[in-house]
Amino acid sequence: MQTIFNATQIQPKWPLRFSSVHGPYESVATARESVLQNFTFLLQTIPGEWPMNPDLGVGIATYLFESYGSPKLDEVGSNISKQLKKYLPEVQLVSANFIHSDRDQDSLTTVLKIKYSVKLLGIIEEIDFGLDPVTKTTVNMSTLNSKVGEL
C-alpha cells in the first residue's frame, strides 16, 4: 500500500485511525474542526494530568459527583474562561450551564451545555457534554445552532 503525503494535515483526528492519504493518521479537515477538537481536549483534560503543565485543563469529569446546586458547579464557566484565555485565546466562551431535570438527578446524570464563538472563523456553536457515572463523559459536538458568519 502506498501512502500519499501531498494532502494538507492540520492535526491528527481523534480517535486515531490510519489514513493512506495523510500518512500515519487521519487529519481533521478544517480549521473549525481543529479548534473544536482542541477545545474538547482542554475541557476533558484534568488539571495535573500533564506533568510539565499542571494547570492545563478544565477537568469536566471532576464535576461528575458534585451535588446539584453545588457552588462548584457555578464555577465551571469562570474555570473554562480562564483556561480559554490562557490556552485557546481565539475561542470566547458565551455561556456554560448545567442542564438537568429531577429525573436526571435520580440517575446522577447531567448535561453541560457550552456555547462558544471563534471570531476568526465567524462561528458560534454549542457543545453538549453528558456526564454520568457509567461513561463518565460523553460528548455531543452537534453544530445544530451554528451561526457561521453572524457574529
C-alpha atoms as a PDB file:
ATOM      1  CA  MET A   1       0.000   0.000   0.000  1.00  0.00           C
ATOM      2  CA  GLN A   2       1.384   3.382  -0.963  1.00  0.00           C
ATOM      3  CA  THR A   3       0.934   6.408   1.281  1.00  0.00           C
ATOM      4  CA  ILE A   4       0.435   9.789  -0.350  1.00  0.00           C
ATOM      5  CA  PHE A   5       1.794  12.737   1.628  1.00  0.00           C
ATOM      6  CA  ASN A   6       0.603  15.642  -0.540  1.00  0.00           C
ATOM      7  CA  ALA A   7      -2.613  16.329   1.394  1.00  0.00           C
ATOM      8  CA  THR A   8      -2.512  19.121   3.964  1.00  0.00           C
ATOM      9  CA  GLN A   9      -2.678  17.820   7.500  1.00  0.00           C
ATOM     10  CA  ILE A  10      -3.778  20.232  10.223  1.00  0.00           C
ATOM     11  CA  GLN A  11      -3.512  17.785  13.127  1.00  0.00           C
ATOM     12  CA  PRO A  12      -4.406  14.135  13.712  1.00  0.00           C
ATOM     13  CA  LYS A  13      -8.105  13.434  14.224  1.00  0.00           C
ATOM     14  CA  TRP A  14      -9.101  11.745  17.454  1.00  0.00           C
ATOM     15  CA  PRO A  15      -9.607   8.834  17.875  1.00  0.00           C
ATOM     16  CA  LEU A  16      -6.518   7.951  15.877  1.00  0.00           C
ATOM     17  CA  ARG A  17      -7.151   5.976  12.686  1.00  0.00           C
ATOM     18  CA  PHE A  18      -4.769   5.003   9.900  1.00  0.00           C
ATOM     19  CA  SER A  19      -5.023   7.020   6.703  1.00  0.00           C
ATOM     20  CA  SER A  20      -3.447   6.168   3.366  1.00  0.00           C
ATOM     21  CA  VAL A  21      -3.988   9.788   2.260  1.00  0.00           C
ATOM     22  CA  HIS A  22      -2.482  11.787   5.143  1.00  0.00           C
ATOM     23  CA  GLY A  23       0.220   9.388   6.271  1.00  0.00           C
ATOM     24  CA  PRO A  24       0.003   7.551   9.540  1.00  0.00           C
ATOM     25  CA  TYR A  25      -3.242   9.127  10.809  1.00  0.00           C
ATOM     26  CA  GLU A  26      -6.422  10.737   9.527  1.00  0.00           C
ATOM     27  CA  SER A  27      -6.392  14.504   9.768  1.00  0.00           C
ATOM     28  CA  VAL A  28      -9.019  16.997  10.796  1.00  0.00           C
ATOM     29  CA  ALA A  29     -10.364  18.579   7.638  1.00  0.00           C
ATOM     30  CA  THR A  30     -10.884  22.240   8.602  1.00  0.00           C
ATOM     31  CA  ALA A  31      -9.678  24.930  10.983  1.00  0.00           C
ATOM     32  CA  ARG A  32     -13.127  24.854  12.625  1.00  0.00           C
ATOM     33  CA  GLU A  33     -12.800  21.131  13.335  1.00  0.00           C
ATOM     34  CA  SER A  34      -9.272  21.690  14.700  1.00  0.00           C
ATOM     35  CA  VAL A  35     -10.438  24.402  17.112  1.00  0.00           C
ATOM     36  CA  LEU A  36     -13.366  22.235  18.215  1.00  0.00           C
ATOM     37  CA  GLN A  37     -11.070  19.258  18.867  1.00  0.00           C
ATOM     38  CA  ASN A  38      -8.580  21.405  20.822  1.00  0.00           C
ATOM     39  CA  PHE A  39     -11.407  22.918  22.884  1.00  0.00           C
ATOM     40  CA  THR A  40     -12.843  19.458  23.632  1.00  0.00           C
ATOM     41  CA  PHE A  41      -9.408  18.221  24.744  1.00  0.00           C
ATOM     42  CA  LEU A  42      -8.993  21.265  27.002  1.00  0.00           C
ATOM     43  CA  LEU A  43     -12.383  20.621  28.590  1.00  0.00           C
ATOM     44  CA  GLN A  44     -11.704  16.929  29.193  1.00  0.00           C
ATOM     45  CA  THR A  45      -8.114  17.246  30.446  1.00  0.00           C
ATOM     46  CA  ILE A  46      -7.930  17.059  34.239  1.00  0.00           C
ATOM     47  CA  PRO A  47      -5.581  19.620  35.842  1.00  0.00           C
ATOM     48  CA  GLY A  48      -2.382  17.831  36.851  1.00  0.00           C
ATOM     49  CA  GLU A  49      -2.686  15.275  34.041  1.00  0.00           C
ATOM     50  CA  TRP A  50       0.155  16.920  32.101  1.00  0.00           C
ATOM     51  CA  PRO A  51       3.183  16.930  34.475  1.00  0.00           C
ATOM     52  CA  MET A  52       5.016  19.725  32.630  1.00  0.00           C
ATOM     53  CA  ASN A  53       1.875  21.890  32.577  1.00  0.00           C
ATOM     54  CA  PRO A  54      -0.087  21.018  35.728  1.00  0.00           C
ATOM     55  CA  ASP A  55      -2.662  23.829  35.442  1.00  0.00           C
ATOM     56  CA  LEU A  56      -3.766  22.793  31.918  1.00  0.00           C
ATOM     57  CA  GLY A  57      -7.352  21.597  31.662  1.00  0.00           C
ATOM     58  CA  VAL A  58     -10.869  22.132  32.948  1.00  0.00           C
ATOM     59  CA  GLY A  59     -11.490  18.544  34.060  1.00  0.00           C
ATOM     60  CA  ILE A  60     -15.173  18.209  33.167  1.00  0.00           C
ATOM     61  CA  ALA A  61     -15.214  14.685  34.657  1.00  0.00           C
ATOM     62  CA  THR A  62     -14.309  16.121  38.080  1.00  0.00           C
ATOM     63  CA  TYR A  63     -17.758  17.734  38.231  1.00  0.00           C
ATOM     64  CA  LEU A  64     -19.448  14.345  37.885  1.00  0.00           C
ATOM     65  CA  PHE A  65     -20.122  13.674  41.569  1.00  0.00           C
ATOM     66  CA  GLU A  66     -20.895  17.234  42.612  1.00  0.00           C
ATOM     67  CA  SER A  67     -24.360  17.555  44.097  1.00  0.00           C
ATOM     68  CA  TYR A  68     -26.979  19.547  42.226  1.00  0.00           C
ATOM     69  CA  GLY A  69     -26.869  23.188  43.285  1.00  0.00           C
ATOM     70  CA  SER A  70     -23.248  22.872  44.445  1.00  0.00           C
ATOM     71  CA  PRO A  71     -21.230  26.121  44.339  1.00  0.00           C
ATOM     72  CA  LYS A  72     -18.514  24.229  42.414  1.00  0.00           C
ATOM     73  CA  LEU A  73     -20.956  23.751  39.524  1.00  0.00           C
ATOM     74  CA  ASP A  74     -21.402  27.522  39.363  1.00  0.00           C
ATOM     75  CA  GLU A  75     -17.622  27.943  38.930  1.00  0.00           C
ATOM     76  CA  VAL A  76     -17.431  25.936  35.706  1.00  0.00           C
ATOM     77  CA  GLY A  77     -17.969  28.983  33.468  1.00  0.00           C
ATOM     78  CA  SER A  78     -15.196  31.035  35.056  1.00  0.00           C
ATOM     79  CA  ASN A  79     -12.888  27.999  35.019  1.00  0.00           C
ATOM     80  CA  ILE A  80     -13.499  27.462  31.289  1.00  0.00           C
ATOM     81  CA  SER A  81     -12.977  31.184  30.581  1.00  0.00           C
ATOM     82  CA  LYS A  82      -9.620  31.210  32.418  1.00  0.00           C
ATOM     83  CA  GLN A  83      -8.429  28.132  30.534  1.00  0.00           C
ATOM     84  CA  LEU A  84      -9.517  29.562  27.183  1.00  0.00           C
ATOM     85  CA  LYS A  85      -7.740  32.878  27.795  1.00  0.00           C
ATOM     86  CA  LYS A  86      -4.507  31.043  28.564  1.00  0.00           C
ATOM     87  CA  TYR A  87      -4.540  28.134  26.090  1.00  0.00           C
ATOM     88  CA  LEU A  88      -7.051  28.919  23.316  1.00  0.00           C
ATOM     89  CA  PRO A  89      -7.355  32.724  23.160  1.00  0.00           C
ATOM     90  CA  GLU A  90      -9.143  32.588  19.792  1.00  0.00           C
ATOM     91  CA  VAL A  91     -12.124  30.876  21.465  1.00  0.00           C
ATOM     92  CA  GLN A  92     -14.534  33.004  23.509  1.00  0.00           C
ATOM     93  CA  LEU A  93     -16.963  31.435  25.974  1.00  0.00           C
ATOM     94  CA  VAL A  94     -20.524  32.700  25.507  1.00  0.00           C
ATOM     95  CA  SER A  95     -22.195  30.529  28.181  1.00  0.00           C
ATOM     96  CA  ALA A  96     -21.744  27.313  30.160  1.00  0.00           C
ATOM     97  CA  ASN A  97     -24.678  25.844  32.069  1.00  0.00           C
ATOM     98  CA  PHE A  98     -25.518  22.501  33.625  1.00  0.00           C
ATOM     99  CA  ILE A  99     -28.924  21.343  32.388  1.00  0.00           C
ATOM    100  CA  HIS A 100     -30.790  18.621  34.302  1.00  0.00           C
ATOM    101  CA  SER A 101     -34.233  17.583  35.448  1.00  0.00           C
ATOM    102  CA  ASP A 102     -35.456  15.851  38.599  1.00  0.00           C
ATOM    103  CA  ARG A 103     -35.281  12.563  36.689  1.00  0.00           C
ATOM    104  CA  ASP A 104     -31.635  13.255  35.787  1.00  0.00           C
ATOM    105  CA  GLN A 105     -30.930  13.954  39.433  1.00  0.00           C
ATOM    106  CA  ASP A 106     -32.230  10.499  40.393  1.00  0.00           C
ATOM    107  CA  SER A 107     -29.995   8.804  37.800  1.00  0.00           C
ATOM    108  CA  LEU A 108     -26.950  11.010  38.610  1.00  0.00           C
ATOM    109  CA  THR A 109     -26.716  12.446  35.111  1.00  0.00           C
ATOM    110  CA  THR A 110     -26.443  15.981  33.816  1.00  0.00           C
ATOM    111  CA  VAL A 111     -25.508  17.826  30.637  1.00  0.00           C
ATOM    112  CA  LEU A 112     -23.088  20.720  30.433  1.00  0.00           C
ATOM    113  CA  LYS A 113     -24.200  22.950  27.547  1.00  0.00           C
ATOM    114  CA  ILE A 114     -21.370  25.162  26.335  1.00  0.00           C
ATOM    115  CA  LYS A 115     -21.849  27.925  23.781  1.00  0.00           C
ATOM    116  CA  TYR A 116     -18.693  29.456  22.314  1.00  0.00           C
ATOM    117  CA  SER A 117     -17.554  31.667  19.470  1.00  0.00           C
ATOM    118  CA  VAL A 118     -14.488  31.913  17.278  1.00  0.00           C
ATOM    119  CA  LYS A 119     -14.389  35.347  15.681  1.00  0.00           C
ATOM    120  CA  LEU A 120     -11.548  34.481  13.283  1.00  0.00           C
ATOM    121  CA  LEU A 121     -13.724  31.753  11.778  1.00  0.00           C
ATOM    122  CA  GLY A 122     -17.026  33.624  12.190  1.00  0.00           C
ATOM    123  CA  ILE A 123     -18.793  30.873  14.127  1.00  0.00           C
ATOM    124  CA  ILE A 124     -20.932  30.467  17.229  1.00  0.00           C
ATOM    125  CA  GLU A 125     -21.520  26.846  18.246  1.00  0.00           C
ATOM    126  CA  GLU A 126     -22.729  24.673  21.107  1.00  0.00           C
ATOM    127  CA  ILE A 127     -21.186  21.558  22.620  1.00  0.00           C
ATOM    128  CA  ASP A 128     -23.127  19.269  24.954  1.00  0.00           C
ATOM    129  CA  PHE A 129     -21.159  17.191  27.453  1.00  0.00           C
ATOM    130  CA  GLY A 130     -23.207  14.414  29.013  1.00  0.00           C
ATOM    131  CA  LEU A 131     -21.968  13.434  32.469  1.00  0.00           C
ATOM    132  CA  ASP A 132     -22.997  10.137  34.039  1.00  0.00           C
ATOM    133  CA  PRO A 133     -21.373   7.626  36.413  1.00  0.00           C
ATOM    134  CA  VAL A 134     -21.138   4.857  33.807  1.00  0.00           C
ATOM    135  CA  THR A 135     -19.470   6.563  30.826  1.00  0.00           C
ATOM    136  CA  LYS A 136     -18.001   9.494  32.829  1.00  0.00           C
ATOM    137  CA  THR A 137     -18.309  11.900  29.898  1.00  0.00           C
ATOM    138  CA  THR A 138     -19.904  11.688  26.516  1.00  0.00           C
ATOM    139  CA  VAL A 139     -19.550  14.457  24.012  1.00  0.00           C
ATOM    140  CA  ASN A 140     -22.194  15.560  21.568  1.00  0.00           C
ATOM    141  CA  MET A 141     -20.459  18.003  19.261  1.00  0.00           C
ATOM    142  CA  SER A 142     -23.573  18.942  17.377  1.00  0.00           C
ATOM    143  CA  THR A 143     -23.487  22.159  15.420  1.00  0.00           C
ATOM    144  CA  LEU A 144     -27.253  22.484  15.091  1.00  0.00           C
ATOM    145  CA  ASN A 145     -27.078  26.007  16.493  1.00  0.00           C
ATOM    146  CA  SER A 146     -24.018  27.003  14.490  1.00  0.00           C
ATOM    147  CA  LYS A 147     -24.274  30.523  13.122  1.00  0.00           C
ATOM    148  CA  VAL A 148     -21.490  30.857  10.606  1.00  0.00           C
ATOM    149  CA  GLY A 149     -20.654  34.425   9.679  1.00  0.00           C
ATOM    150  CA  GLU A 150     -23.218  36.038  12.000  1.00  0.00           C
ATOM    151  CA  LEU A 151     -21.001  37.363  14.779  1.00  0.00           C
END
